[in-house]
């Protein structure tokens, strides 16, 4: 089975197709973080990775995707609104 996630989330200053494809996953990561869930459990559920078998990869994936999810709440959402004509500069 091929992983549908990149090992590292985008670090672009603009919204990417990858971001659009993973909106729901970003929300799941943010919800889990807000609830104080263990990152290992989150990785197993969201990314379908065994955090014990691939600890470094799993930890890096979790950290980068959670950071991107936070970026979406701070910056990325404005790109969506602007694109949809809801936010004018």
PDB file of N, CA and C in Angstrom:
ATOM      1  N   UNK A   1       0.839  -1.182   0.000  1.00  0.00           N
ATOM      2  CA  UNK A   1       0.000   0.000   0.000  1.00  0.00           C
ATOM      3  C   UNK A   1       0.881   1.240   0.000  1.00  0.00           C
ATOM      4  N   UNK A   2       0.620   2.153  -0.899  1.00  0.00           N
ATOM      5  CA  UNK A   2       1.375   3.391  -1.008  1.00  0.00           C
ATOM      6  C   UNK A   2       0.815   4.422  -0.046  1.00  0.00           C
ATOM      7  N   UNK A   3       1.704   5.099   0.635  1.00  0.00           N
ATOM      8  CA  UNK A   3       1.285   6.151   1.559  1.00  0.00           C
ATOM      9  C   UNK A   3       0.788   7.352   0.753  1.00  0.00           C
ATOM     10  N   UNK A   4      -0.355   7.894   1.138  1.00  0.00           N
ATOM     11  CA  UNK A   4      -0.904   9.033   0.414  1.00  0.00           C
ATOM     12  C   UNK A   4      -0.369  10.357   0.940  1.00  0.00           C
ATOM     13  N   UNK A   5       0.590  10.276   1.854  1.00  0.00           N
ATOM     14  CA  UNK A   5       1.210  11.466   2.432  1.00  0.00           C
ATOM     15  C   UNK A   5       2.667  11.555   2.017  1.00  0.00           C
ATOM     16  N   UNK A   6       3.120  12.762   1.810  1.00  0.00           N
ATOM     17  CA  UNK A   6       4.553  12.994   1.634  1.00  0.00           C
ATOM     18  C   UNK A   6       5.184  12.912   3.028  1.00  0.00           C
ATOM     19  N   UNK A   7       6.465  12.622   3.077  1.00  0.00           N
ATOM     20  CA  UNK A   7       7.133  12.568   4.379  1.00  0.00           C
ATOM     21  C   UNK A   7       7.163  13.944   5.040  1.00  0.00           C
ATOM     22  N   UNK A   8       7.275  14.976   4.237  1.00  0.00           N
ATOM     23  CA  UNK A   8       7.309  16.350   4.734  1.00  0.00           C
ATOM     24  C   UNK A   8       6.190  17.134   4.060  1.00  0.00           C
ATOM     25  N   UNK A   9       5.398  17.813   4.855  1.00  0.00           N
ATOM     26  CA  UNK A   9       4.316  18.647   4.311  1.00  0.00           C
ATOM     27  C   UNK A   9       4.920  19.845   3.571  1.00  0.00           C
ATOM     28  N   UNK A  10       4.161  20.459   2.682  1.00  0.00           N
ATOM     29  CA  UNK A  10       4.672  21.627   1.953  1.00  0.00           C
ATOM     30  C   UNK A  10       5.128  22.739   2.896  1.00  0.00           C
ATOM     31  N   UNK A  11       6.074  23.506   2.424  1.00  0.00           N
ATOM     32  CA  UNK A  11       6.552  24.668   3.174  1.00  0.00           C
ATOM     33  C   UNK A  11       6.450  25.896   2.277  1.00  0.00           C
ATOM     34  N   UNK A  12       5.441  25.902   1.453  1.00  0.00           N
ATOM     35  CA  UNK A  12       5.222  26.981   0.496  1.00  0.00           C
ATOM     36  C   UNK A  12       4.496  28.138   1.168  1.00  0.00           C
ATOM     37  N   UNK A  13       4.785  29.374   0.750  1.00  0.00           N
ATOM     38  CA  UNK A  13       4.045  30.509   1.302  1.00  0.00           C
ATOM     39  C   UNK A  13       2.634  30.624   0.732  1.00  0.00           C
ATOM     40  N   UNK A  14       2.297  29.738  -0.192  1.00  0.00           N
ATOM     41  CA  UNK A  14       0.968  29.740  -0.807  1.00  0.00           C
ATOM     42  C   UNK A  14       0.320  28.370  -0.626  1.00  0.00           C
ATOM     43  N   UNK A  15      -0.972  28.352  -0.753  1.00  0.00           N
ATOM     44  CA  UNK A  15      -1.738  27.121  -0.680  1.00  0.00           C
ATOM     45  C   UNK A  15      -1.339  26.215  -1.844  1.00  0.00           C
ATOM     46  N   UNK A  16      -1.203  24.935  -1.589  1.00  0.00           N
ATOM     47  CA  UNK A  16      -0.799  23.986  -2.624  1.00  0.00           C
ATOM     48  C   UNK A  16      -1.910  22.959  -2.864  1.00  0.00           C
ATOM     49  N   UNK A  17      -1.864  22.269  -3.993  1.00  0.00           N
ATOM     50  CA  UNK A  17      -2.821  21.181  -4.212  1.00  0.00           C
ATOM     51  C   UNK A  17      -2.729  20.112  -3.109  1.00  0.00           C
ATOM     52  N   UNK A  18      -1.536  19.886  -2.596  1.00  0.00           N
ATOM     53  CA  UNK A  18      -1.359  18.928  -1.501  1.00  0.00           C
ATOM     54  C   UNK A  18      -2.157  19.384  -0.280  1.00  0.00           C
ATOM     55  N   UNK A  19      -2.083  20.682   0.038  1.00  0.00           N
ATOM     56  CA  UNK A  19      -2.862  21.219   1.158  1.00  0.00           C
ATOM     57  C   UNK A  19      -4.349  20.984   0.938  1.00  0.00           C
ATOM     58  N   UNK A  20      -4.806  21.274  -0.242  1.00  0.00           N
ATOM     59  CA  UNK A  20      -6.225  21.109  -0.553  1.00  0.00           C
ATOM     60  C   UNK A  20      -6.657  19.654  -0.403  1.00  0.00           C
ATOM     61  N   UNK A  21      -5.792  18.738  -0.786  1.00  0.00           N
ATOM     62  CA  UNK A  21      -6.112  17.316  -0.693  1.00  0.00           C
ATOM     63  C   UNK A  21      -6.107  16.813   0.749  1.00  0.00           C
ATOM     64  N   UNK A  22      -5.487  17.575   1.644  1.00  0.00           N
ATOM     65  CA  UNK A  22      -5.316  17.108   3.025  1.00  0.00           C
ATOM     66  C   UNK A  22      -5.985  18.003   4.068  1.00  0.00           C
ATOM     67  N   UNK A  23      -6.961  18.819   3.667  1.00  0.00           N
ATOM     68  CA  UNK A  23      -7.674  19.667   4.625  1.00  0.00           C
ATOM     69  C   UNK A  23      -8.206  18.856   5.809  1.00  0.00           C
ATOM     70  N   UNK A  24      -8.897  17.785   5.513  1.00  0.00           N
ATOM     71  CA  UNK A  24      -9.505  16.976   6.575  1.00  0.00           C
ATOM     72  C   UNK A  24      -8.420  16.391   7.483  1.00  0.00           C
ATOM     73  N   UNK A  25      -7.321  15.964   6.896  1.00  0.00           N
ATOM     74  CA  UNK A  25      -6.225  15.416   7.694  1.00  0.00           C
ATOM     75  C   UNK A  25      -5.632  16.485   8.607  1.00  0.00           C
ATOM     76  N   UNK A  26      -5.485  17.698   8.101  1.00  0.00           N
ATOM     77  CA  UNK A  26      -4.977  18.800   8.922  1.00  0.00           C
ATOM     78  C   UNK A  26      -5.908  19.055  10.105  1.00  0.00           C
ATOM     79  N   UNK A  27      -7.194  19.021   9.871  1.00  0.00           N
ATOM     80  CA  UNK A  27      -8.163  19.229  10.957  1.00  0.00           C
ATOM     81  C   UNK A  27      -8.051  18.102  11.981  1.00  0.00           C
ATOM     82  N   UNK A  28      -7.893  16.897  11.511  1.00  0.00           N
ATOM     83  CA  UNK A  28      -7.729  15.759  12.427  1.00  0.00           C
ATOM     84  C   UNK A  28      -6.484  15.926  13.283  1.00  0.00           C
ATOM     85  N   UNK A  29      -5.399  16.388  12.671  1.00  0.00           N
ATOM     86  CA  UNK A  29      -4.162  16.617  13.428  1.00  0.00           C
ATOM     87  C   UNK A  29      -4.353  17.709  14.473  1.00  0.00           C
ATOM     88  N   UNK A  30      -5.000  18.795  14.081  1.00  0.00           N
ATOM     89  CA  UNK A  30      -5.241  19.895  15.017  1.00  0.00           C
ATOM     90  C   UNK A  30      -6.145  19.454  16.168  1.00  0.00           C
ATOM     91  N   UNK A  31      -7.184  18.706  15.858  1.00  0.00           N
ATOM     92  CA  UNK A  31      -8.087  18.211  16.901  1.00  0.00           C
ATOM     93  C   UNK A  31      -7.345  17.294  17.873  1.00  0.00           C
ATOM     94  N   UNK A  32      -6.556  16.389  17.339  1.00  0.00           N
ATOM     95  CA  UNK A  32      -5.801  15.468  18.188  1.00  0.00           C
ATOM     96  C   UNK A  32      -4.818  16.221  19.071  1.00  0.00           C
ATOM     97  N   UNK A  33      -4.160  17.225  18.500  1.00  0.00           N
ATOM     98  CA  UNK A  33      -3.211  18.027  19.264  1.00  0.00           C
ATOM     99  C   UNK A  33      -3.930  18.779  20.384  1.00  0.00           C
ATOM    100  N   UNK A  34      -5.077  19.355  20.076  1.00  0.00           N
ATOM    101  CA  UNK A  34      -5.850  20.103  21.078  1.00  0.00           C
ATOM    102  C   UNK A  34      -6.317  19.189  22.217  1.00  0.00           C
ATOM    103  N   UNK A  35      -6.546  17.930  21.892  1.00  0.00           N
ATOM    104  CA  UNK A  35      -6.988  16.971  22.901  1.00  0.00           C
ATOM    105  C   UNK A  35      -5.817  16.351  23.669  1.00  0.00           C
ATOM    106  N   UNK A  36      -4.595  16.693  23.267  1.00  0.00           N
ATOM    107  CA  UNK A  36      -3.419  16.157  23.948  1.00  0.00           C
ATOM    108  C   UNK A  36      -3.106  14.713  23.601  1.00  0.00           C
ATOM    109  N   UNK A  37      -3.552  14.269  22.431  1.00  0.00           N
ATOM    110  CA  UNK A  37      -3.305  12.888  22.005  1.00  0.00           C
ATOM    111  C   UNK A  37      -1.812  12.642  21.805  1.00  0.00           C
ATOM    112  N   UNK A  38      -1.383  11.446  22.094  1.00  0.00           N
ATOM    113  CA  UNK A  38       0.003  11.047  21.877  1.00  0.00           C
ATOM    114  C   UNK A  38       0.271  11.028  20.373  1.00  0.00           C
ATOM    115  N   UNK A  39       1.379  11.630  19.959  1.00  0.00           N
ATOM    116  CA  UNK A  39       1.677  11.736  18.533  1.00  0.00           C
ATOM    117  C   UNK A  39       1.786  10.359  17.884  1.00  0.00           C
ATOM    118  N   UNK A  40       2.219   9.369  18.635  1.00  0.00           N
ATOM    119  CA  UNK A  40       2.359   8.016  18.078  1.00  0.00           C
ATOM    120  C   UNK A  40       0.995   7.440  17.683  1.00  0.00           C
ATOM    121  N   UNK A  41       0.012   7.675  18.532  1.00  0.00           N
ATOM    122  CA  UNK A  41      -1.341   7.202  18.221  1.00  0.00           C
ATOM    123  C   UNK A  41      -1.896   7.947  17.008  1.00  0.00           C
ATOM    124  N   UNK A  42      -1.633   9.244  16.945  1.00  0.00           N
ATOM    125  CA  UNK A  42      -2.104  10.066  15.826  1.00  0.00           C
ATOM    126  C   UNK A  42      -1.489   9.587  14.519  1.00  0.00           C
ATOM    127  N   UNK A  43      -0.197   9.311  14.535  1.00  0.00           N
ATOM    128  CA  UNK A  43       0.506   8.828  13.341  1.00  0.00           C
ATOM    129  C   UNK A  43      -0.080   7.504  12.866  1.00  0.00           C
ATOM    130  N   UNK A  44      -0.364   6.626  13.807  1.00  0.00           N
ATOM    131  CA  UNK A  44      -0.927   5.325  13.439  1.00  0.00           C
ATOM    132  C   UNK A  44      -2.303   5.485  12.806  1.00  0.00           C
ATOM    133  N   UNK A  45      -3.097   6.403  13.328  1.00  0.00           N
ATOM    134  CA  UNK A  45      -4.459   6.583  12.822  1.00  0.00           C
ATOM    135  C   UNK A  45      -4.486   7.412  11.537  1.00  0.00           C
ATOM    136  N   UNK A  46      -3.866   8.580  11.561  1.00  0.00           N
ATOM    137  CA  UNK A  46      -3.963   9.506  10.423  1.00  0.00           C
ATOM    138  C   UNK A  46      -3.085   9.064   9.252  1.00  0.00           C
ATOM    139  N   UNK A  47      -1.842   8.718   9.537  1.00  0.00           N
ATOM    140  CA  UNK A  47      -0.903   8.386   8.464  1.00  0.00           C
ATOM    141  C   UNK A  47      -0.823   6.886   8.169  1.00  0.00           C
ATOM    142  N   UNK A  48      -1.438   6.066   9.013  1.00  0.00           N
ATOM    143  CA  UNK A  48      -1.377   4.606   8.879  1.00  0.00           C
ATOM    144  C   UNK A  48       0.072   4.113   8.880  1.00  0.00           C
ATOM    145  N   UNK A  49       0.869   4.698   9.771  1.00  0.00           N
ATOM    146  CA  UNK A  49       2.268   4.300   9.934  1.00  0.00           C
ATOM    147  C   UNK A  49       2.457   3.676  11.307  1.00  0.00           C
ATOM    148  N   UNK A  50       3.368   2.734  11.385  1.00  0.00           N
ATOM    149  CA  UNK A  50       3.735   2.160  12.669  1.00  0.00           C
ATOM    150  C   UNK A  50       4.850   3.027  13.247  1.00  0.00           C
ATOM    151  N   UNK A  51       4.557   3.806  14.286  1.00  0.00           N
ATOM    152  CA  UNK A  51       5.560   4.713  14.827  1.00  0.00           C
ATOM    153  C   UNK A  51       6.747   3.999  15.469  1.00  0.00           C
ATOM    154  N   UNK A  52       6.571   2.743  15.844  1.00  0.00           N
ATOM    155  CA  UNK A  52       7.695   1.992  16.408  1.00  0.00           C
ATOM    156  C   UNK A  52       8.625   1.493  15.311  1.00  0.00           C
ATOM    157  N   UNK A  53       8.058   1.095  14.184  1.00  0.00           N
ATOM    158  CA  UNK A  53       8.866   0.568  13.072  1.00  0.00           C
ATOM    159  C   UNK A  53       9.572   1.676  12.307  1.00  0.00           C
ATOM    160  N   UNK A  54       8.947   2.849  12.240  1.00  0.00           N
ATOM    161  CA  UNK A  54       9.514   3.972  11.476  1.00  0.00           C
ATOM    162  C   UNK A  54       9.483   5.246  12.325  1.00  0.00           C
ATOM    163  N   UNK A  55      10.109   5.194  13.484  1.00  0.00           N
ATOM    164  CA  UNK A  55       9.989   6.278  14.448  1.00  0.00           C
ATOM    165  C   UNK A  55      10.426   7.638  13.899  1.00  0.00           C
ATOM    166  N   UNK A  56      11.589   7.714  13.284  1.00  0.00           N
ATOM    167  CA  UNK A  56      12.082   9.012  12.802  1.00  0.00           C
ATOM    168  C   UNK A  56      11.195   9.564  11.692  1.00  0.00           C
ATOM    169  N   UNK A  57      10.837   8.698  10.764  1.00  0.00           N
ATOM    170  CA  UNK A  57       9.962   9.124   9.665  1.00  0.00           C
ATOM    171  C   UNK A  57       8.602   9.567  10.208  1.00  0.00           C
ATOM    172  N   UNK A  58       8.026   8.769  11.098  1.00  0.00           N
ATOM    173  CA  UNK A  58       6.708   9.074  11.654  1.00  0.00           C
ATOM    174  C   UNK A  58       6.726  10.380  12.430  1.00  0.00           C
ATOM    175  N   UNK A  59       7.747  10.577  13.224  1.00  0.00           N
ATOM    176  CA  UNK A  59       7.861  11.801  14.023  1.00  0.00           C
ATOM    177  C   UNK A  59       8.006  13.025  13.123  1.00  0.00           C
ATOM    178  N   UNK A  60       8.813  12.899  12.088  1.00  0.00           N
ATOM    179  CA  UNK A  60       9.027  13.999  11.132  1.00  0.00           C
ATOM    180  C   UNK A  60       7.739  14.307  10.366  1.00  0.00           C
ATOM    181  N   UNK A  61       7.034  13.266   9.938  1.00  0.00           N
ATOM    182  CA  UNK A  61       5.768  13.473   9.225  1.00  0.00           C
ATOM    183  C   UNK A  61       4.763  14.187  10.114  1.00  0.00           C
ATOM    184  N   UNK A  62       4.642  13.719  11.341  1.00  0.00           N
ATOM    185  CA  UNK A  62       3.686  14.324  12.262  1.00  0.00           C
ATOM    186  C   UNK A  62       4.027  15.790  12.494  1.00  0.00           C
ATOM    187  N   UNK A  63       5.276  16.071  12.804  1.00  0.00           N
ATOM    188  CA  UNK A  63       5.686  17.444  13.101  1.00  0.00           C
ATOM    189  C   UNK A  63       5.464  18.371  11.912  1.00  0.00           C
ATOM    190  N   UNK A  64       5.834  17.940  10.720  1.00  0.00           N
ATOM    191  CA  UNK A  64       5.712  18.832   9.563  1.00  0.00           C
ATOM    192  C   UNK A  64       4.257  19.036   9.163  1.00  0.00           C
ATOM    193  N   UNK A  65       3.449  18.002   9.252  1.00  0.00           N
ATOM    194  CA  UNK A  65       2.038  18.136   8.887  1.00  0.00           C
ATOM    195  C   UNK A  65       1.263  18.930   9.935  1.00  0.00           C
ATOM    196  N   UNK A  66       1.620  18.773  11.202  1.00  0.00           N
ATOM    197  CA  UNK A  66       0.973  19.573  12.238  1.00  0.00           C
ATOM    198  C   UNK A  66       1.363  21.041  12.079  1.00  0.00           C
ATOM    199  N   UNK A  67       2.615  21.302  11.751  1.00  0.00           N
ATOM    200  CA  UNK A  67       3.040  22.682  11.512  1.00  0.00           C
ATOM    201  C   UNK A  67       2.280  23.275  10.326  1.00  0.00           C
ATOM    202  N   UNK A  68       2.099  22.489   9.284  1.00  0.00           N
ATOM    203  CA  UNK A  68       1.360  22.982   8.114  1.00  0.00           C
ATOM    204  C   UNK A  68      -0.110  23.199   8.459  1.00  0.00           C
ATOM    205  N   UNK A  69      -0.669  22.330   9.268  1.00  0.00           N
ATOM    206  CA  UNK A  69      -2.057  22.503   9.708  1.00  0.00           C
ATOM    207  C   UNK A  69      -2.205  23.804  10.485  1.00  0.00           C
ATOM    208  N   UNK A  70      -1.246  24.096  11.334  1.00  0.00           N
ATOM    209  CA  UNK A  70      -1.273  25.369  12.074  1.00  0.00           C
ATOM    210  C   UNK A  70      -1.140  26.544  11.119  1.00  0.00           C
ATOM    211  N   UNK A  71      -0.269  26.409  10.124  1.00  0.00           N
ATOM    212  CA  UNK A  71      -0.106  27.470   9.119  1.00  0.00           C
ATOM    213  C   UNK A  71      -1.438  27.732   8.424  1.00  0.00           C
ATOM    214  N   UNK A  72      -2.165  26.657   8.150  1.00  0.00           N
ATOM    215  CA  UNK A  72      -3.469  26.815   7.489  1.00  0.00           C
ATOM    216  C   UNK A  72      -4.412  27.659   8.332  1.00  0.00           C
ATOM    217  N   UNK A  73      -4.358  27.520   9.650  1.00  0.00           N
ATOM    218  CA  UNK A  73      -5.257  28.286  10.515  1.00  0.00           C
ATOM    219  C   UNK A  73      -4.803  29.729  10.678  1.00  0.00           C
ATOM    220  N   UNK A  74      -3.533  29.991  10.454  1.00  0.00           N
ATOM    221  CA  UNK A  74      -2.986  31.332  10.648  1.00  0.00           C
ATOM    222  C   UNK A  74      -2.861  32.127   9.354  1.00  0.00           C
ATOM    223  N   UNK A  75      -2.544  31.454   8.263  1.00  0.00           N
ATOM    224  CA  UNK A  75      -2.263  32.127   6.993  1.00  0.00           C
ATOM    225  C   UNK A  75      -3.033  31.522   5.821  1.00  0.00           C
ATOM    226  N   UNK A  76      -2.985  30.220   5.720  1.00  0.00           N
ATOM    227  CA  UNK A  76      -3.543  29.524   4.563  1.00  0.00           C
ATOM    228  C   UNK A  76      -5.001  29.793   4.303  1.00  0.00           C
ATOM    229  N   UNK A  77      -5.786  29.933   5.371  1.00  0.00           N
ATOM    230  CA  UNK A  77      -7.222  30.172   5.171  1.00  0.00           C
ATOM    231  C   UNK A  77      -7.463  31.448   4.378  1.00  0.00           C
ATOM    232  N   UNK A  78      -6.609  32.455   4.556  1.00  0.00           N
ATOM    233  CA  UNK A  78      -6.769  33.716   3.825  1.00  0.00           C
ATOM    234  C   UNK A  78      -6.580  33.508   2.326  1.00  0.00           C
ATOM    235  N   UNK A  79      -5.711  32.585   1.950  1.00  0.00           N
ATOM    236  CA  UNK A  79      -5.527  32.264   0.534  1.00  0.00           C
ATOM    237  C   UNK A  79      -6.808  31.673  -0.046  1.00  0.00           C
ATOM    238  N   UNK A  80      -7.459  30.827   0.732  1.00  0.00           N
ATOM    239  CA  UNK A  80      -8.731  30.250   0.286  1.00  0.00           C
ATOM    240  C   UNK A  80      -9.795  31.322   0.113  1.00  0.00           C
ATOM    241  N   UNK A  81      -9.900  32.176   1.103  1.00  0.00           N
ATOM    242  CA  UNK A  81     -10.906  33.240   1.047  1.00  0.00           C
ATOM    243  C   UNK A  81     -10.643  34.181  -0.117  1.00  0.00           C
ATOM    244  N   UNK A  82      -9.396  34.550  -0.322  1.00  0.00           N
ATOM    245  CA  UNK A  82      -9.046  35.457  -1.414  1.00  0.00           C
ATOM    246  C   UNK A  82      -9.341  34.812  -2.758  1.00  0.00           C
ATOM    247  N   UNK A  83      -9.036  33.544  -2.877  1.00  0.00           N
ATOM    248  CA  UNK A  83      -9.278  32.826  -4.127  1.00  0.00           C
ATOM    249  C   UNK A  83     -10.774  32.738  -4.432  1.00  0.00           C
ATOM    250  N   UNK A  84     -11.560  32.633  -3.399  1.00  0.00           N
ATOM    251  CA  UNK A  84     -13.016  32.530  -3.573  1.00  0.00           C
ATOM    252  C   UNK A  84     -13.690  33.893  -3.598  1.00  0.00           C
ATOM    253  N   UNK A  85     -12.901  34.958  -3.618  1.00  0.00           N
ATOM    254  CA  UNK A  85     -13.453  36.299  -3.703  1.00  0.00           C
ATOM    255  C   UNK A  85     -14.090  36.804  -2.426  1.00  0.00           C
ATOM    256  N   UNK A  86     -13.810  36.138  -1.324  1.00  0.00           N
ATOM    257  CA  UNK A  86     -14.407  36.533  -0.052  1.00  0.00           C
ATOM    258  C   UNK A  86     -13.538  37.489   0.735  1.00  0.00           C
ATOM    259  N   UNK A  87     -12.290  37.639   0.341  1.00  0.00           N
ATOM    260  CA  UNK A  87     -11.377  38.518   1.038  1.00  0.00           C
ATOM    261  C   UNK A  87     -10.733  39.424  -0.004  1.00  0.00           C
ATOM    262  N   UNK A  88     -10.855  40.688   0.167  1.00  0.00           N
ATOM    263  CA  UNK A  88     -10.277  41.618  -0.791  1.00  0.00           C
ATOM    264  C   UNK A  88      -9.139  42.382  -0.121  1.00  0.00           C
ATOM    265  N   UNK A  89      -8.052  42.484  -0.858  1.00  0.00           N
ATOM    266  CA  UNK A  89      -6.869  43.204  -0.334  1.00  0.00           C
ATOM    267  C   UNK A  89      -6.912  44.655  -0.760  1.00  0.00           C
TER     268      UNK A  89
END
